[in-house]
């Protein structure tokens, strides 16, 4: 083992809650690129920002195992 390996790099060996890879993050970003490729681009910066906010909010809810429908209802009722 190298002397330059930090403890945080090997945390995955001791803490099973730490993901082994960053694939979740890459998967989250991929959706934005897919959306861009399908439509060519967003029609406006504001539309892209709105998409990112909604997508990020729903991704967070999914990772916390919350019902996406319930989350959307709470946002619509201004109760996030």
PDB file of N, CA and C in Angstrom:
ATOM      1  N   UNK A   1       0.837  -1.179   0.000  1.00  0.00           N
ATOM      2  CA  UNK A   1       0.000   0.000   0.000  1.00  0.00           C
ATOM      3  C   UNK A   1       0.882   1.241   0.000  1.00  0.00           C
ATOM      4  N   UNK A   2       0.471   2.226  -0.731  1.00  0.00           N
ATOM      5  CA  UNK A   2       1.254   3.446  -0.865  1.00  0.00           C
ATOM      6  C   UNK A   2       1.162   4.300   0.394  1.00  0.00           C
ATOM      7  N   UNK A   3       2.225   5.034   0.655  1.00  0.00           N
ATOM      8  CA  UNK A   3       2.226   5.919   1.813  1.00  0.00           C
ATOM      9  C   UNK A   3       1.368   7.156   1.568  1.00  0.00           C
ATOM     10  N   UNK A   4       0.966   7.384   0.344  1.00  0.00           N
ATOM     11  CA  UNK A   4       0.224   8.595  -0.009  1.00  0.00           C
ATOM     12  C   UNK A   4      -1.289   8.395  -0.042  1.00  0.00           C
ATOM     13  N   UNK A   5      -1.793   7.218   0.290  1.00  0.00           N
ATOM     14  CA  UNK A   5      -3.230   6.948   0.268  1.00  0.00           C
ATOM     15  C   UNK A   5      -3.847   7.525   1.534  1.00  0.00           C
ATOM     16  N   UNK A   6      -4.855   8.372   1.347  1.00  0.00           N
ATOM     17  CA  UNK A   6      -5.474   9.002   2.514  1.00  0.00           C
ATOM     18  C   UNK A   6      -6.530   8.081   3.122  1.00  0.00           C
ATOM     19  N   UNK A   7      -6.875   8.359   4.362  1.00  0.00           N
ATOM     20  CA  UNK A   7      -7.887   7.568   5.063  1.00  0.00           C
ATOM     21  C   UNK A   7      -9.239   7.675   4.379  1.00  0.00           C
ATOM     22  N   UNK A   8      -9.546   8.855   3.822  1.00  0.00           N
ATOM     23  CA  UNK A   8     -10.844   9.020   3.159  1.00  0.00           C
ATOM     24  C   UNK A   8     -10.945   8.177   1.893  1.00  0.00           C
ATOM     25  N   UNK A   9      -9.826   7.905   1.250  1.00  0.00           N
ATOM     26  CA  UNK A   9      -9.827   7.066   0.051  1.00  0.00           C
ATOM     27  C   UNK A   9     -10.205   5.634   0.398  1.00  0.00           C
ATOM     28  N   UNK A  10      -9.811   5.173   1.557  1.00  0.00           N
ATOM     29  CA  UNK A  10     -10.077   3.797   1.971  1.00  0.00           C
ATOM     30  C   UNK A  10     -11.294   3.674   2.890  1.00  0.00           C
ATOM     31  N   UNK A  11     -12.040   4.741   3.049  1.00  0.00           N
ATOM     32  CA  UNK A  11     -13.199   4.730   3.946  1.00  0.00           C
ATOM     33  C   UNK A  11     -14.204   3.656   3.549  1.00  0.00           C
ATOM     34  N   UNK A  12     -14.316   3.380   2.263  1.00  0.00           N
ATOM     35  CA  UNK A  12     -15.270   2.385   1.773  1.00  0.00           C
ATOM     36  C   UNK A  12     -15.009   1.005   2.381  1.00  0.00           C
ATOM     37  N   UNK A  13     -13.795   0.732   2.807  1.00  0.00           N
ATOM     38  CA  UNK A  13     -13.467  -0.556   3.408  1.00  0.00           C
ATOM     39  C   UNK A  13     -13.998  -0.688   4.825  1.00  0.00           C
ATOM     40  N   UNK A  14     -14.121   0.430   5.528  1.00  0.00           N
ATOM     41  CA  UNK A  14     -14.583   0.402   6.915  1.00  0.00           C
ATOM     42  C   UNK A  14     -16.057   0.757   7.068  1.00  0.00           C
ATOM     43  N   UNK A  15     -16.560   1.627   6.213  1.00  0.00           N
ATOM     44  CA  UNK A  15     -17.927   2.129   6.335  1.00  0.00           C
ATOM     45  C   UNK A  15     -18.742   1.651   5.139  1.00  0.00           C
ATOM     46  N   UNK A  16     -19.624   0.690   5.366  1.00  0.00           N
ATOM     47  CA  UNK A  16     -20.392   0.097   4.270  1.00  0.00           C
ATOM     48  C   UNK A  16     -21.467   1.034   3.719  1.00  0.00           C
ATOM     49  N   UNK A  17     -21.724   2.153   4.376  1.00  0.00           N
ATOM     50  CA  UNK A  17     -22.707   3.108   3.853  1.00  0.00           C
ATOM     51  C   UNK A  17     -22.104   3.999   2.773  1.00  0.00           C
ATOM     52  N   UNK A  18     -20.786   4.003   2.656  1.00  0.00           N
ATOM     53  CA  UNK A  18     -20.117   4.812   1.641  1.00  0.00           C
ATOM     54  C   UNK A  18     -20.151   4.047   0.316  1.00  0.00           C
ATOM     55  N   UNK A  19     -20.670   4.676  -0.752  1.00  0.00           N
ATOM     56  CA  UNK A  19     -20.710   3.982  -2.042  1.00  0.00           C
ATOM     57  C   UNK A  19     -19.305   3.681  -2.558  1.00  0.00           C
ATOM     58  N   UNK A  20     -19.159   2.555  -3.213  1.00  0.00           N
ATOM     59  CA  UNK A  20     -17.856   2.128  -3.730  1.00  0.00           C
ATOM     60  C   UNK A  20     -17.412   2.988  -4.908  1.00  0.00           C
ATOM     61  N   UNK A  21     -18.363   3.460  -5.697  1.00  0.00           N
ATOM     62  CA  UNK A  21     -18.042   4.289  -6.859  1.00  0.00           C
ATOM     63  C   UNK A  21     -18.883   5.558  -6.829  1.00  0.00           C
ATOM     64  N   UNK A  22     -18.615   6.443  -7.759  1.00  0.00           N
ATOM     65  CA  UNK A  22     -19.412   7.664  -7.875  1.00  0.00           C
ATOM     66  C   UNK A  22     -20.439   7.539  -9.004  1.00  0.00           C
ATOM     67  N   UNK A  23     -20.830   6.318  -9.337  1.00  0.00           N
ATOM     68  CA  UNK A  23     -21.761   6.089 -10.438  1.00  0.00           C
ATOM     69  C   UNK A  23     -23.095   6.790 -10.229  1.00  0.00           C
ATOM     70  N   UNK A  24     -23.555   6.903  -8.977  1.00  0.00           N
ATOM     71  CA  UNK A  24     -24.833   7.586  -8.729  1.00  0.00           C
ATOM     72  C   UNK A  24     -24.766   9.029  -9.200  1.00  0.00           C
ATOM     73  N   UNK A  25     -23.693   9.689  -8.907  1.00  0.00           N
ATOM     74  CA  UNK A  25     -23.524  11.075  -9.323  1.00  0.00           C
ATOM     75  C   UNK A  25     -23.477  11.179 -10.837  1.00  0.00           C
ATOM     76  N   UNK A  26     -22.744  10.282 -11.459  1.00  0.00           N
ATOM     77  CA  UNK A  26     -22.646  10.291 -12.919  1.00  0.00           C
ATOM     78  C   UNK A  26     -24.004  10.020 -13.554  1.00  0.00           C
ATOM     79  N   UNK A  27     -24.774   9.120 -12.975  1.00  0.00           N
ATOM     80  CA  UNK A  27     -26.103   8.804 -13.485  1.00  0.00           C
ATOM     81  C   UNK A  27     -27.029  10.023 -13.393  1.00  0.00           C
ATOM     82  N   UNK A  28     -26.925  10.756 -12.295  1.00  0.00           N
ATOM     83  CA  UNK A  28     -27.752  11.953 -12.122  1.00  0.00           C
ATOM     84  C   UNK A  28     -27.430  13.003 -13.177  1.00  0.00           C
ATOM     85  N   UNK A  29     -26.166  13.169 -13.476  1.00  0.00           N
ATOM     86  CA  UNK A  29     -25.764  14.155 -14.481  1.00  0.00           C
ATOM     87  C   UNK A  29     -26.108  13.710 -15.898  1.00  0.00           C
ATOM     88  N   UNK A  30     -26.121  12.401 -16.114  1.00  0.00           N
ATOM     89  CA  UNK A  30     -26.397  11.871 -17.448  1.00  0.00           C
ATOM     90  C   UNK A  30     -27.779  12.276 -17.944  1.00  0.00           C
ATOM     91  N   UNK A  31     -28.771  12.352 -17.040  1.00  0.00           N
ATOM     92  CA  UNK A  31     -30.132  12.707 -17.434  1.00  0.00           C
ATOM     93  C   UNK A  31     -30.170  14.087 -18.090  1.00  0.00           C
ATOM     94  N   UNK A  32     -29.416  15.008 -17.577  1.00  0.00           N
ATOM     95  CA  UNK A  32     -29.363  16.347 -18.157  1.00  0.00           C
ATOM     96  C   UNK A  32     -28.808  16.295 -19.577  1.00  0.00           C
ATOM     97  N   UNK A  33     -27.773  15.504 -19.790  1.00  0.00           N
ATOM     98  CA  UNK A  33     -27.187  15.374 -21.123  1.00  0.00           C
ATOM     99  C   UNK A  33     -28.155  14.678 -22.088  1.00  0.00           C
ATOM    100  N   UNK A  34     -28.871  13.680 -21.611  1.00  0.00           N
ATOM    101  CA  UNK A  34     -29.852  12.995 -22.455  1.00  0.00           C
ATOM    102  C   UNK A  34     -30.932  13.977 -22.885  1.00  0.00           C
ATOM    103  N   UNK A  35     -31.395  14.764 -21.959  1.00  0.00           N
ATOM    104  CA  UNK A  35     -32.426  15.775 -22.262  1.00  0.00           C
ATOM    105  C   UNK A  35     -31.898  16.756 -23.304  1.00  0.00           C
ATOM    106  N   UNK A  36     -30.672  17.148 -23.173  1.00  0.00           N
ATOM    107  CA  UNK A  36     -30.053  18.070 -24.131  1.00  0.00           C
ATOM    108  C   UNK A  36     -29.951  17.435 -25.518  1.00  0.00           C
ATOM    109  N   UNK A  37     -29.560  16.176 -25.579  1.00  0.00           N
ATOM    110  CA  UNK A  37     -29.387  15.503 -26.866  1.00  0.00           C
ATOM    111  C   UNK A  37     -30.716  15.292 -27.580  1.00  0.00           C
ATOM    112  N   UNK A  38     -31.763  14.980 -26.823  1.00  0.00           N
ATOM    113  CA  UNK A  38     -33.064  14.724 -27.429  1.00  0.00           C
ATOM    114  C   UNK A  38     -33.618  15.987 -28.074  1.00  0.00           C
ATOM    115  N   UNK A  39     -33.570  17.087 -27.344  1.00  0.00           N
ATOM    116  CA  UNK A  39     -34.173  18.314 -27.853  1.00  0.00           C
ATOM    117  C   UNK A  39     -33.169  19.226 -28.559  1.00  0.00           C
ATOM    118  N   UNK A  40     -31.905  18.890 -28.493  1.00  0.00           N
ATOM    119  CA  UNK A  40     -30.876  19.741 -29.089  1.00  0.00           C
ATOM    120  C   UNK A  40     -30.321  20.717 -28.072  1.00  0.00           C
ATOM    121  N   UNK A  41     -31.200  21.277 -27.281  1.00  0.00           N
ATOM    122  CA  UNK A  41     -30.812  22.159 -26.176  1.00  0.00           C
ATOM    123  C   UNK A  41     -32.076  22.611 -25.477  1.00  0.00           C
ATOM    124  N   UNK A  42     -31.916  23.343 -24.425  1.00  0.00           N
ATOM    125  CA  UNK A  42     -33.070  23.942 -23.770  1.00  0.00           C
ATOM    126  C   UNK A  42     -33.411  25.228 -24.503  1.00  0.00           C
ATOM    127  N   UNK A  43     -34.669  25.600 -24.491  1.00  0.00           N
ATOM    128  CA  UNK A  43     -35.080  26.807 -25.212  1.00  0.00           C
ATOM    129  C   UNK A  43     -34.566  28.074 -24.547  1.00  0.00           C
ATOM    130  N   UNK A  44     -34.373  28.005 -23.245  1.00  0.00           N
ATOM    131  CA  UNK A  44     -33.867  29.182 -22.537  1.00  0.00           C
ATOM    132  C   UNK A  44     -33.047  28.735 -21.332  1.00  0.00           C
ATOM    133  N   UNK A  45     -32.263  29.648 -20.818  1.00  0.00           N
ATOM    134  CA  UNK A  45     -31.496  29.349 -19.598  1.00  0.00           C
ATOM    135  C   UNK A  45     -32.444  29.111 -18.433  1.00  0.00           C
ATOM    136  N   UNK A  46     -33.525  29.866 -18.401  1.00  0.00           N
ATOM    137  CA  UNK A  46     -34.504  29.722 -17.317  1.00  0.00           C
ATOM    138  C   UNK A  46     -35.128  28.321 -17.345  1.00  0.00           C
ATOM    139  N   UNK A  47     -35.435  27.825 -18.557  1.00  0.00           N
ATOM    140  CA  UNK A  47     -35.981  26.476 -18.687  1.00  0.00           C
ATOM    141  C   UNK A  47     -34.996  25.419 -18.217  1.00  0.00           C
ATOM    142  N   UNK A  48     -33.736  25.597 -18.549  1.00  0.00           N
ATOM    143  CA  UNK A  48     -32.698  24.660 -18.112  1.00  0.00           C
ATOM    144  C   UNK A  48     -32.562  24.684 -16.586  1.00  0.00           C
ATOM    145  N   UNK A  49     -32.627  25.866 -16.004  1.00  0.00           N
ATOM    146  CA  UNK A  49     -32.533  25.982 -14.549  1.00  0.00           C
ATOM    147  C   UNK A  49     -33.725  25.315 -13.876  1.00  0.00           C
ATOM    148  N   UNK A  50     -34.911  25.532 -14.419  1.00  0.00           N
ATOM    149  CA  UNK A  50     -36.110  24.911 -13.836  1.00  0.00           C
ATOM    150  C   UNK A  50     -36.024  23.392 -13.915  1.00  0.00           C
ATOM    151  N   UNK A  51     -35.595  22.885 -15.074  1.00  0.00           N
ATOM    152  CA  UNK A  51     -35.439  21.438 -15.232  1.00  0.00           C
ATOM    153  C   UNK A  51     -34.458  20.908 -14.196  1.00  0.00           C
ATOM    154  N   UNK A  52     -33.332  21.588 -14.017  1.00  0.00           N
ATOM    155  CA  UNK A  52     -32.302  21.131 -13.079  1.00  0.00           C
ATOM    156  C   UNK A  52     -32.823  21.127 -11.643  1.00  0.00           C
ATOM    157  N   UNK A  53     -33.574  22.145 -11.273  1.00  0.00           N
ATOM    158  CA  UNK A  53     -34.109  22.219  -9.906  1.00  0.00           C
ATOM    159  C   UNK A  53     -35.105  21.091  -9.662  1.00  0.00           C
ATOM    160  N   UNK A  54     -36.036  20.906 -10.580  1.00  0.00           N
ATOM    161  CA  UNK A  54     -37.045  19.855 -10.414  1.00  0.00           C
ATOM    162  C   UNK A  54     -36.393  18.476 -10.429  1.00  0.00           C
ATOM    163  N   UNK A  55     -35.497  18.264 -11.379  1.00  0.00           N
ATOM    164  CA  UNK A  55     -34.821  16.965 -11.479  1.00  0.00           C
ATOM    165  C   UNK A  55     -33.995  16.682 -10.223  1.00  0.00           C
ATOM    166  N   UNK A  56     -33.264  17.673  -9.741  1.00  0.00           N
ATOM    167  CA  UNK A  56     -32.471  17.501  -8.528  1.00  0.00           C
ATOM    168  C   UNK A  56     -33.325  17.208  -7.307  1.00  0.00           C
ATOM    169  N   UNK A  57     -34.446  17.898  -7.209  1.00  0.00           N
ATOM    170  CA  UNK A  57     -35.356  17.700  -6.079  1.00  0.00           C
ATOM    171  C   UNK A  57     -35.912  16.277  -6.089  1.00  0.00           C
ATOM    172  N   UNK A  58     -36.328  15.811  -7.262  1.00  0.00           N
ATOM    173  CA  UNK A  58     -36.884  14.459  -7.370  1.00  0.00           C
ATOM    174  C   UNK A  58     -35.814  13.388  -7.173  1.00  0.00           C
ATOM    175  N   UNK A  59     -34.602  13.629  -7.642  1.00  0.00           N
ATOM    176  CA  UNK A  59     -33.517  12.671  -7.437  1.00  0.00           C
ATOM    177  C   UNK A  59     -33.190  12.531  -5.946  1.00  0.00           C
ATOM    178  N   UNK A  60     -33.181  13.653  -5.241  1.00  0.00           N
ATOM    179  CA  UNK A  60     -32.918  13.619  -3.803  1.00  0.00           C
ATOM    180  C   UNK A  60     -34.015  12.849  -3.082  1.00  0.00           C
ATOM    181  N   UNK A  61     -35.253  13.109  -3.452  1.00  0.00           N
ATOM    182  CA  UNK A  61     -36.378  12.396  -2.829  1.00  0.00           C
ATOM    183  C   UNK A  61     -36.274  10.896  -3.095  1.00  0.00           C
ATOM    184  N   UNK A  62     -35.922  10.515  -4.319  1.00  0.00           N
ATOM    185  CA  UNK A  62     -35.792   9.093  -4.656  1.00  0.00           C
ATOM    186  C   UNK A  62     -34.678   8.438  -3.844  1.00  0.00           C
ATOM    187  N   UNK A  63     -33.564   9.130  -3.672  1.00  0.00           N
ATOM    188  CA  UNK A  63     -32.453   8.578  -2.896  1.00  0.00           C
ATOM    189  C   UNK A  63     -32.823   8.413  -1.429  1.00  0.00           C
ATOM    190  N   UNK A  64     -33.752   9.255  -0.957  1.00  0.00           N
ATOM    191  CA  UNK A  64     -34.213   9.151   0.427  1.00  0.00           C
ATOM    192  C   UNK A  64     -35.429   8.239   0.549  1.00  0.00           C
ATOM    193  N   UNK A  65     -35.730   7.533  -0.559  1.00  0.00           N
ATOM    194  CA  UNK A  65     -36.830   6.570  -0.623  1.00  0.00           C
ATOM    195  C   UNK A  65     -38.172   7.189  -0.278  1.00  0.00           C
ATOM    196  N   UNK A  66     -38.382   8.417  -0.724  1.00  0.00           N
ATOM    197  CA  UNK A  66     -39.663   9.085  -0.543  1.00  0.00           C
ATOM    198  C   UNK A  66     -40.502   8.895  -1.796  1.00  0.00           C
ATOM    199  N   UNK A  67     -41.811   8.906  -1.627  1.00  0.00           N
ATOM    200  CA  UNK A  67     -42.710   8.801  -2.763  1.00  0.00           C
ATOM    201  C   UNK A  67     -42.607  10.074  -3.600  1.00  0.00           C
ATOM    202  N   UNK A  68     -42.283   9.916  -4.890  1.00  0.00           N
ATOM    203  CA  UNK A  68     -42.128  11.087  -5.740  1.00  0.00           C
ATOM    204  C   UNK A  68     -43.445  11.837  -5.891  1.00  0.00           C
ATOM    205  N   UNK A  69     -44.542  11.099  -5.962  1.00  0.00           N
ATOM    206  CA  UNK A  69     -45.847  11.745  -6.084  1.00  0.00           C
ATOM    207  C   UNK A  69     -46.150  12.580  -4.837  1.00  0.00           C
ATOM    208  N   UNK A  70     -45.882  12.034  -3.658  1.00  0.00           N
ATOM    209  CA  UNK A  70     -46.111  12.762  -2.407  1.00  0.00           C
ATOM    210  C   UNK A  70     -45.231  14.016  -2.344  1.00  0.00           C
ATOM    211  N   UNK A  71     -44.002  13.894  -2.780  1.00  0.00           N
ATOM    212  CA  UNK A  71     -43.078  15.034  -2.795  1.00  0.00           C
ATOM    213  C   UNK A  71     -43.607  16.121  -3.728  1.00  0.00           C
ATOM    214  N   UNK A  72     -44.064  15.732  -4.924  1.00  0.00           N
ATOM    215  CA  UNK A  72     -44.608  16.717  -5.861  1.00  0.00           C
ATOM    216  C   UNK A  72     -45.861  17.391  -5.303  1.00  0.00           C
ATOM    217  N   UNK A  73     -46.704  16.613  -4.631  1.00  0.00           N
ATOM    218  CA  UNK A  73     -47.901  17.189  -4.019  1.00  0.00           C
ATOM    219  C   UNK A  73     -47.528  18.199  -2.933  1.00  0.00           C
ATOM    220  N   UNK A  74     -46.532  17.851  -2.118  1.00  0.00           N
ATOM    221  CA  UNK A  74     -46.132  18.771  -1.047  1.00  0.00           C
ATOM    222  C   UNK A  74     -45.543  20.059  -1.596  1.00  0.00           C
ATOM    223  N   UNK A  75     -44.816  19.967  -2.700  1.00  0.00           N
ATOM    224  CA  UNK A  75     -44.265  21.171  -3.327  1.00  0.00           C
ATOM    225  C   UNK A  75     -45.403  22.020  -3.898  1.00  0.00           C
ATOM    226  N   UNK A  76     -46.389  21.371  -4.507  1.00  0.00           N
ATOM    227  CA  UNK A  76     -47.524  22.101  -5.081  1.00  0.00           C
ATOM    228  C   UNK A  76     -48.309  22.822  -3.992  1.00  0.00           C
ATOM    229  N   UNK A  77     -48.340  22.257  -2.791  1.00  0.00           N
ATOM    230  CA  UNK A  77     -49.044  22.882  -1.665  1.00  0.00           C
ATOM    231  C   UNK A  77     -48.112  23.749  -0.832  1.00  0.00           C
ATOM    232  N   UNK A  78     -46.896  23.983  -1.334  1.00  0.00           N
ATOM    233  CA  UNK A  78     -45.901  24.824  -0.668  1.00  0.00           C
ATOM    234  C   UNK A  78     -45.539  24.291   0.723  1.00  0.00           C
ATOM    235  N   UNK A  79     -45.357  22.962   0.799  1.00  0.00           N
ATOM    236  CA  UNK A  79     -45.004  22.312   2.057  1.00  0.00           C
ATOM    237  C   UNK A  79     -43.803  21.380   1.891  1.00  0.00           C
ATOM    238  N   UNK A  80     -42.694  21.851   1.304  1.00  0.00           N
ATOM    239  CA  UNK A  80     -41.566  20.947   1.075  1.00  0.00           C
ATOM    240  C   UNK A  80     -40.867  20.510   2.358  1.00  0.00           C
TER     241      UNK A  80
END
